[in-house]
Structures are given as C-alpha cells and as structure tokens.
Amino acid sequence: MSEFIHNARHSPRAEVRCQARAPLLGGGFWSSDTEDIGPRGCQLVAPARFTPGEGIELEISSERVSDPLWVGGRIAWASNEPPWRIGIAFLDQDQDAAARWFDRLVAAFPGLDSSLLAPRKVAADALVYLGRAPRLRPPLVAPEVAVLRAVGKGIRASDLRARLGSDWDNGQGALFSLLGRRFLTLTAADAAAPEAWAAYLG
C-alpha cells in the first residue's frame, strides 16, 4: 500500500493583494497588504514583531469585493527578523463569514480558482521538482526557502522529509504551500533548474 504525505492545512490560499487594517492599542490602525489569503487565515507583513498566540482583529477589503470582511484571529506563526511576516488563523466563529467572503474574492478574479489549490496529499515516493521561477522575487518564509533548497534538481518526497529532519513540521506545510503556488511541481516537464532560483535562495 502506498504511503502518503498529507496536507495538514486543508484550506486553499490565494496570492491576492487585499488591504488589511488592524487596530492599535492606543488608537488608530496599522495597515498591510495580504501576502496570501484563504477562508481560514492570511499572511501579512506587520510593522513590528508579534508573538505566536497573540490575538488580532482585522478589517480586510478588496476593491473587487463590495464590502470588507471583519474577522478575529490569532497569530499562528511569526518571523524572528524583519520583514515581520505573520501568519494569522481566523477564529472558528468567524470562519463561515470568511469563507463566504473568500468565495466572492475568488469569483472576482477569473481563473484564480484553478491555480490556488494545493493537493490534499502527495505520495511519499513522488518526485518533487522546482517549478518555474517567477520574474519577481516572491515572498518566502524561512521554511519555504529550506524546502526549495532541499529540492534542488529533484527529490523524492520521503527523502525531503528525511533531509529536513526535526524541521519537517514546518517543512510539511511549506511543501504544500509551494505546490499550491506552483513554485514546486510534481511534473518533470514543468521543472526548472536550481540556477533559475539561485537569486531568490541566496
């Protein structure tokens, strides 16, 4: 029987720039564009360092959706150095509203729905390759950079898991995020040489 590596996120993410505003304790707001967004969370660049577990309130808007999404969340992960990227998980009670708003966002971008779904699982013996490098430097968090470097000219998913070792918990999420964004591929014909990614992984 085949062994599989499963996508723990079970939720699509779209690389769409929405505007997010979060209230400051002393009044006013800080704002950021979303790096990606889905029905259960989003990624932002914050003005300062955050601590995982902190709560946050957000107003998220897009010029293509008529009204904003108001949602509560918690900091799921945070970078340890600038730029201060944070991953936000929406609160359970707000996920239905977030899912409905996300559906409207996807509908406003024709063709987007066909490109934002990562696979639910990957066979452990599947070969993983670097996808075609984007023209502009993509926003990458440290686990994603580690996975891209480890993939190199191609690697079996099981060997990638072994190579990352104790970092696999983060690497597993990064693997599926990169597959969903087409920065990794399971198709040799779509593969890019490591040299094409060198400028982004230095």
C-alpha atoms as a PDB file:
ATOM      1  CA  MET A   1       0.000   0.000   0.000  1.00  0.00           C
ATOM      2  CA  SER A   2       1.354   3.440  -0.922  1.00  0.00           C
ATOM      3  CA  GLU A   3       2.389   5.842   1.811  1.00  0.00           C
ATOM      4  CA  PHE A   4       1.230   9.443   1.528  1.00  0.00           C
ATOM      5  CA  ILE A   5       2.276  12.770   2.985  1.00  0.00           C
ATOM      6  CA  HIS A   6      -0.864  14.730   3.816  1.00  0.00           C
ATOM      7  CA  ASN A   7      -1.589  18.425   3.551  1.00  0.00           C
ATOM      8  CA  ALA A   8      -2.402  19.477   7.109  1.00  0.00           C
ATOM      9  CA  ARG A   9      -3.801  22.855   6.052  1.00  0.00           C
ATOM     10  CA  HIS A  10      -6.851  21.521   4.126  1.00  0.00           C
ATOM     11  CA  SER A  11      -7.554  25.053   3.011  1.00  0.00           C
ATOM     12  CA  PRO A  12      -6.748  26.952  -0.186  1.00  0.00           C
ATOM     13  CA  ARG A  13      -4.657  30.112  -0.191  1.00  0.00           C
ATOM     14  CA  ALA A  14      -4.667  32.720  -2.936  1.00  0.00           C
ATOM     15  CA  GLU A  15      -1.814  35.143  -3.626  1.00  0.00           C
ATOM     16  CA  VAL A  16      -4.112  38.150  -3.870  1.00  0.00           C
ATOM     17  CA  ARG A  17      -3.318  41.608  -2.569  1.00  0.00           C
ATOM     18  CA  CYS A  18      -6.096  42.690  -0.247  1.00  0.00           C
ATOM     19  CA  GLN A  19      -5.861  45.569   2.201  1.00  0.00           C
ATOM     20  CA  ALA A  20      -5.788  44.611   5.885  1.00  0.00           C
ATOM     21  CA  ARG A  21      -6.119  47.011   8.818  1.00  0.00           C
ATOM     22  CA  ALA A  22      -5.592  46.148  12.478  1.00  0.00           C
ATOM     23  CA  PRO A  23      -6.369  48.477  15.414  1.00  0.00           C
ATOM     24  CA  LEU A  24      -3.559  49.728  17.656  1.00  0.00           C
ATOM     25  CA  LEU A  25      -3.949  49.667  21.436  1.00  0.00           C
ATOM     26  CA  GLY A  26      -3.519  53.421  21.705  1.00  0.00           C
ATOM     27  CA  GLY A  27      -5.919  54.178  18.880  1.00  0.00           C
ATOM     28  CA  GLY A  28      -5.572  54.281  15.128  1.00  0.00           C
ATOM     29  CA  PHE A  29      -4.634  51.427  12.831  1.00  0.00           C
ATOM     30  CA  TRP A  30      -1.693  49.806  11.120  1.00  0.00           C
ATOM     31  CA  SER A  31      -2.239  48.506   7.616  1.00  0.00           C
ATOM     32  CA  SER A  32      -0.659  45.958   5.305  1.00  0.00           C
ATOM     33  CA  ASP A  33      -1.370  44.171   2.049  1.00  0.00           C
ATOM     34  CA  THR A  34      -2.037  40.453   2.344  1.00  0.00           C
ATOM     35  CA  GLU A  35       0.750  38.201   1.060  1.00  0.00           C
ATOM     36  CA  ASP A  36      -1.837  35.445   0.678  1.00  0.00           C
ATOM     37  CA  ILE A  37      -5.351  34.819   1.949  1.00  0.00           C
ATOM     38  CA  GLY A  38      -7.740  31.910   2.331  1.00  0.00           C
ATOM     39  CA  PRO A  39     -11.011  31.091   4.107  1.00  0.00           C
ATOM     40  CA  ARG A  40      -9.188  30.208   7.332  1.00  0.00           C
ATOM     41  CA  GLY A  41      -6.363  32.709   7.509  1.00  0.00           C
ATOM     42  CA  CYS A  42      -3.932  35.041   5.811  1.00  0.00           C
ATOM     43  CA  GLN A  43      -0.312  36.184   5.806  1.00  0.00           C
ATOM     44  CA  LEU A  44       0.734  39.800   6.375  1.00  0.00           C
ATOM     45  CA  VAL A  45       3.854  41.878   6.895  1.00  0.00           C
ATOM     46  CA  ALA A  46       3.468  43.575  10.289  1.00  0.00           C
ATOM     47  CA  PRO A  47       5.113  46.817  11.473  1.00  0.00           C
ATOM     48  CA  ALA A  48       6.812  45.043  14.408  1.00  0.00           C
ATOM     49  CA  ARG A  49       7.480  41.599  15.814  1.00  0.00           C
ATOM     50  CA  PHE A  50       4.489  39.566  17.017  1.00  0.00           C
ATOM     51  CA  THR A  51       4.351  36.545  19.308  1.00  0.00           C
ATOM     52  CA  PRO A  52       2.541  33.346  18.249  1.00  0.00           C
ATOM     53  CA  GLY A  53      -0.720  33.009  20.160  1.00  0.00           C
ATOM     54  CA  GLU A  54      -1.481  36.746  20.289  1.00  0.00           C
ATOM     55  CA  GLY A  55      -4.987  37.788  19.309  1.00  0.00           C
ATOM     56  CA  ILE A  56      -5.681  40.219  16.487  1.00  0.00           C
ATOM     57  CA  GLU A  57      -8.680  41.911  14.873  1.00  0.00           C
ATOM     58  CA  LEU A  58      -8.669  42.645  11.151  1.00  0.00           C
ATOM     59  CA  GLU A  59     -10.652  44.527   8.553  1.00  0.00           C
ATOM     60  CA  ILE A  60      -9.838  43.027   5.142  1.00  0.00           C
ATOM     61  CA  SER A  61     -11.002  44.666   1.939  1.00  0.00           C
ATOM     62  CA  SER A  62     -10.572  44.416  -1.816  1.00  0.00           C
ATOM     63  CA  GLU A  63     -11.573  46.889  -4.488  1.00  0.00           C
ATOM     64  CA  ARG A  64     -13.253  43.964  -6.273  1.00  0.00           C
ATOM     65  CA  VAL A  65     -15.499  42.981  -3.331  1.00  0.00           C
ATOM     66  CA  SER A  66     -18.212  45.439  -2.327  1.00  0.00           C
ATOM     67  CA  ASP A  67     -17.879  45.225   1.459  1.00  0.00           C
ATOM     68  CA  PRO A  68     -14.998  44.371   3.815  1.00  0.00           C
ATOM     69  CA  LEU A  69     -14.503  41.313   5.983  1.00  0.00           C
ATOM     70  CA  TRP A  70     -14.276  41.872   9.732  1.00  0.00           C
ATOM     71  CA  VAL A  71     -12.585  38.925  11.362  1.00  0.00           C
ATOM     72  CA  GLY A  72     -10.827  37.960  14.587  1.00  0.00           C
ATOM     73  CA  GLY A  73      -7.755  35.784  14.589  1.00  0.00           C
ATOM     74  CA  ARG A  74      -4.657  34.654  16.405  1.00  0.00           C
ATOM     75  CA  ILE A  75      -1.007  34.734  15.368  1.00  0.00           C
ATOM     76  CA  ALA A  76      -0.226  31.183  14.197  1.00  0.00           C
ATOM     77  CA  TRP A  77       3.431  31.916  13.416  1.00  0.00           C
ATOM     78  CA  ALA A  78       5.700  34.940  13.212  1.00  0.00           C
ATOM     79  CA  SER A  79       9.108  35.591  11.661  1.00  0.00           C
ATOM     80  CA  ASN A  80      12.022  36.299  14.001  1.00  0.00           C
ATOM     81  CA  GLU A  81      13.544  39.048  11.875  1.00  0.00           C
ATOM     82  CA  PRO A  82      12.291  41.774   9.543  1.00  0.00           C
ATOM     83  CA  PRO A  83      10.310  41.894   7.408  1.00  0.00           C
ATOM     84  CA  TRP A  84       7.950  40.885  10.231  1.00  0.00           C
ATOM     85  CA  ARG A  85       5.767  38.365   8.389  1.00  0.00           C
ATOM     86  CA  ILE A  86       2.942  36.837  10.405  1.00  0.00           C
ATOM     87  CA  GLY A  87       0.531  34.003   9.678  1.00  0.00           C
ATOM     88  CA  ILE A  88      -2.949  34.607  11.043  1.00  0.00           C
ATOM     89  CA  ALA A  89      -5.507  31.864  11.716  1.00  0.00           C
ATOM     90  CA  PHE A  90      -9.062  33.184  11.738  1.00  0.00           C
ATOM     91  CA  LEU A  91     -11.158  32.386  14.804  1.00  0.00           C
ATOM     92  CA  ASP A  92     -13.559  29.436  14.456  1.00  0.00           C
ATOM     93  CA  GLN A  93     -16.653  31.621  14.915  1.00  0.00           C
ATOM     94  CA  ASP A  94     -15.577  33.862  12.021  1.00  0.00           C
ATOM     95  CA  GLN A  95     -14.628  31.175   9.502  1.00  0.00           C
ATOM     96  CA  ASP A  96     -18.076  30.861   7.894  1.00  0.00           C
ATOM     97  CA  ALA A  97     -18.145  34.594   7.153  1.00  0.00           C
ATOM     98  CA  ALA A  98     -14.528  34.449   5.975  1.00  0.00           C
ATOM     99  CA  ALA A  99     -15.295  31.513   3.650  1.00  0.00           C
ATOM    100  CA  ARG A 100     -18.244  33.372   2.079  1.00  0.00           C
ATOM    101  CA  TRP A 101     -16.105  36.490   1.584  1.00  0.00           C
ATOM    102  CA  PHE A 102     -13.263  34.423   0.139  1.00  0.00           C
ATOM    103  CA  ASP A 103     -15.659  32.817  -2.366  1.00  0.00           C
ATOM    104  CA  ARG A 104     -16.647  36.305  -3.536  1.00  0.00           C
ATOM    105  CA  LEU A 105     -12.986  37.290  -3.805  1.00  0.00           C
ATOM    106  CA  VAL A 106     -12.153  34.241  -5.924  1.00  0.00           C
ATOM    107  CA  ALA A 107     -15.172  34.896  -8.167  1.00  0.00           C
ATOM    108  CA  ALA A 108     -13.880  38.443  -8.748  1.00  0.00           C
ATOM    109  CA  PHE A 109     -10.604  37.142 -10.207  1.00  0.00           C
ATOM    110  CA  PRO A 110     -11.413  34.932 -13.241  1.00  0.00           C
ATOM    111  CA  GLY A 111      -9.146  31.899 -13.433  1.00  0.00           C
ATOM    112  CA  LEU A 112      -7.879  32.264  -9.875  1.00  0.00           C
ATOM    113  CA  ASP A 113      -9.796  29.257  -8.539  1.00  0.00           C
ATOM    114  CA  SER A 114      -7.919  26.892 -10.855  1.00  0.00           C
ATOM    115  CA  SER A 115      -4.498  27.904  -9.518  1.00  0.00           C
ATOM    116  CA  LEU A 116      -4.816  28.179  -5.732  1.00  0.00           C
ATOM    117  CA  LEU A 117      -5.489  24.619  -4.594  1.00  0.00           C
ATOM    118  CA  ALA A 118      -2.589  22.592  -3.274  1.00  0.00           C
ATOM    119  CA  PRO A 119      -3.025  18.794  -3.378  1.00  0.00           C
ATOM    120  CA  ARG A 120      -4.513  17.129  -0.301  1.00  0.00           C
ATOM    121  CA  LYS A 121      -1.727  14.551  -0.302  1.00  0.00           C
ATOM    122  CA  VAL A 122       1.458  13.554  -2.108  1.00  0.00           C
ATOM    123  CA  ALA A 123       2.767  10.020  -2.472  1.00  0.00           C
ATOM    124  CA  ALA A 124       5.902   9.540  -0.383  1.00  0.00           C
ATOM    125  CA  ASP A 125       7.733   8.163  -3.423  1.00  0.00           C
ATOM    126  CA  ALA A 126       6.663  11.062  -5.689  1.00  0.00           C
ATOM    127  CA  LEU A 127       9.437  13.170  -7.201  1.00  0.00           C
ATOM    128  CA  VAL A 128       9.259  16.851  -6.312  1.00  0.00           C
ATOM    129  CA  TYR A 129      10.890  19.463  -8.570  1.00  0.00           C
ATOM    130  CA  LEU A 130      11.445  23.195  -8.529  1.00  0.00           C
ATOM    131  CA  GLY A 131       8.749  24.939 -10.548  1.00  0.00           C
ATOM    132  CA  ARG A 132       9.413  27.743 -12.965  1.00  0.00           C
ATOM    133  CA  ALA A 133      10.940  30.698 -11.140  1.00  0.00           C
ATOM    134  CA  PRO A 134       8.791  33.858 -11.095  1.00  0.00           C
ATOM    135  CA  ARG A 135      10.016  37.069 -12.728  1.00  0.00           C
ATOM    136  CA  LEU A 136       9.962  38.997  -9.440  1.00  0.00           C
ATOM    137  CA  ARG A 137      11.306  37.870  -6.065  1.00  0.00           C
ATOM    138  CA  PRO A 138       8.450  36.009  -4.341  1.00  0.00           C
ATOM    139  CA  PRO A 139       7.668  36.461  -0.632  1.00  0.00           C
ATOM    140  CA  LEU A 140       9.134  33.375   1.041  1.00  0.00           C
ATOM    141  CA  VAL A 141       9.304  32.424   4.709  1.00  0.00           C
ATOM    142  CA  ALA A 142      12.274  30.505   6.123  1.00  0.00           C
ATOM    143  CA  PRO A 143      10.688  27.008   5.933  1.00  0.00           C
ATOM    144  CA  GLU A 144       9.824  27.593   2.263  1.00  0.00           C
ATOM    145  CA  VAL A 145      13.393  28.621   1.464  1.00  0.00           C
ATOM    146  CA  ALA A 146      14.661  25.494   3.253  1.00  0.00           C
ATOM    147  CA  VAL A 147      12.354  23.266   1.204  1.00  0.00           C
ATOM    148  CA  LEU A 148      13.290  24.908  -2.105  1.00  0.00           C
ATOM    149  CA  ARG A 149      16.991  24.490  -1.335  1.00  0.00           C
ATOM    150  CA  ALA A 150      16.485  20.847  -0.347  1.00  0.00           C
ATOM    151  CA  VAL A 151      14.537  20.057  -3.525  1.00  0.00           C
ATOM    152  CA  GLY A 152      17.374  21.221  -5.791  1.00  0.00           C
ATOM    153  CA  LYS A 153      17.352  19.211  -9.008  1.00  0.00           C
ATOM    154  CA  GLY A 154      14.563  16.981  -7.713  1.00  0.00           C
ATOM    155  CA  ILE A 155      13.963  14.791  -4.682  1.00  0.00           C
ATOM    156  CA  ARG A 156      11.525  12.132  -3.530  1.00  0.00           C
ATOM    157  CA  ALA A 157       9.028  13.454  -1.020  1.00  0.00           C
ATOM    158  CA  SER A 158      10.123  10.861   1.542  1.00  0.00           C
ATOM    159  CA  ASP A 159      13.771  11.901   1.122  1.00  0.00           C
ATOM    160  CA  LEU A 160      12.791  15.549   1.530  1.00  0.00           C
ATOM    161  CA  ARG A 161      11.105  14.632   4.827  1.00  0.00           C
ATOM    162  CA  ALA A 162      14.232  12.789   5.973  1.00  0.00           C
ATOM    163  CA  ARG A 163      16.551  15.619   4.918  1.00  0.00           C
ATOM    164  CA  LEU A 164      14.582  18.234   6.845  1.00  0.00           C
ATOM    165  CA  GLY A 165      14.540  16.041   9.963  1.00  0.00           C
ATOM    166  CA  SER A 166      13.400  17.985  13.022  1.00  0.00           C
ATOM    167  CA  ASP A 167      12.275  20.868  10.780  1.00  0.00           C
ATOM    168  CA  TRP A 168       9.743  18.660   8.993  1.00  0.00           C
ATOM    169  CA  ASP A 169       6.722  20.040  10.888  1.00  0.00           C
ATOM    170  CA  ASN A 170       7.353  23.424   9.278  1.00  0.00           C
ATOM    171  CA  GLY A 171       8.646  21.861   6.062  1.00  0.00           C
ATOM    172  CA  GLN A 172       5.483  19.850   5.502  1.00  0.00           C
ATOM    173  CA  GLY A 173       3.333  22.989   5.480  1.00  0.00           C
ATOM    174  CA  ALA A 174       5.879  24.767   3.275  1.00  0.00           C
ATOM    175  CA  LEU A 175       5.857  21.859   0.785  1.00  0.00           C
ATOM    176  CA  PHE A 176       2.126  22.168   0.178  1.00  0.00           C
ATOM    177  CA  SER A 177       2.188  25.954   0.182  1.00  0.00           C
ATOM    178  CA  LEU A 178       4.857  25.911  -2.531  1.00  0.00           C
ATOM    179  CA  LEU A 179       2.975  23.288  -4.553  1.00  0.00           C
ATOM    180  CA  GLY A 180      -0.187  25.394  -4.348  1.00  0.00           C
ATOM    181  CA  ARG A 181       1.703  28.480  -5.555  1.00  0.00           C
ATOM    182  CA  ARG A 182       3.340  26.437  -8.365  1.00  0.00           C
ATOM    183  CA  PHE A 183       6.832  27.131  -7.014  1.00  0.00           C
ATOM    184  CA  LEU A 184       7.194  23.348  -6.765  1.00  0.00           C
ATOM    185  CA  THR A 185       5.861  20.796  -9.198  1.00  0.00           C
ATOM    186  CA  LEU A 186       5.383  17.040  -9.402  1.00  0.00           C
ATOM    187  CA  THR A 187       5.793  17.107 -13.199  1.00  0.00           C
ATOM    188  CA  ALA A 188       9.298  16.794 -14.644  1.00  0.00           C
ATOM    189  CA  ALA A 189       8.291  18.658 -17.814  1.00  0.00           C
ATOM    190  CA  ASP A 190       7.438  21.745 -15.726  1.00  0.00           C
ATOM    191  CA  ALA A 191      10.661  21.653 -13.687  1.00  0.00           C
ATOM    192  CA  ALA A 192      13.226  24.441 -13.539  1.00  0.00           C
ATOM    193  CA  ALA A 193      16.954  24.164 -12.907  1.00  0.00           C
ATOM    194  CA  PRO A 194      18.215  25.241  -9.472  1.00  0.00           C
ATOM    195  CA  GLU A 195      20.139  28.063 -11.163  1.00  0.00           C
ATOM    196  CA  ALA A 196      16.841  29.747 -12.035  1.00  0.00           C
ATOM    197  CA  TRP A 197      16.091  30.066  -8.296  1.00  0.00           C
ATOM    198  CA  ALA A 198      19.601  30.976  -7.126  1.00  0.00           C
ATOM    199  CA  ALA A 199      18.935  34.699  -6.808  1.00  0.00           C
ATOM    200  CA  TYR A 200      15.947  34.064  -4.527  1.00  0.00           C
ATOM    201  CA  LEU A 201      17.598  31.472  -2.280  1.00  0.00           C
ATOM    202  CA  GLY A 202      20.951  33.046  -1.569  1.00  0.00           C
END
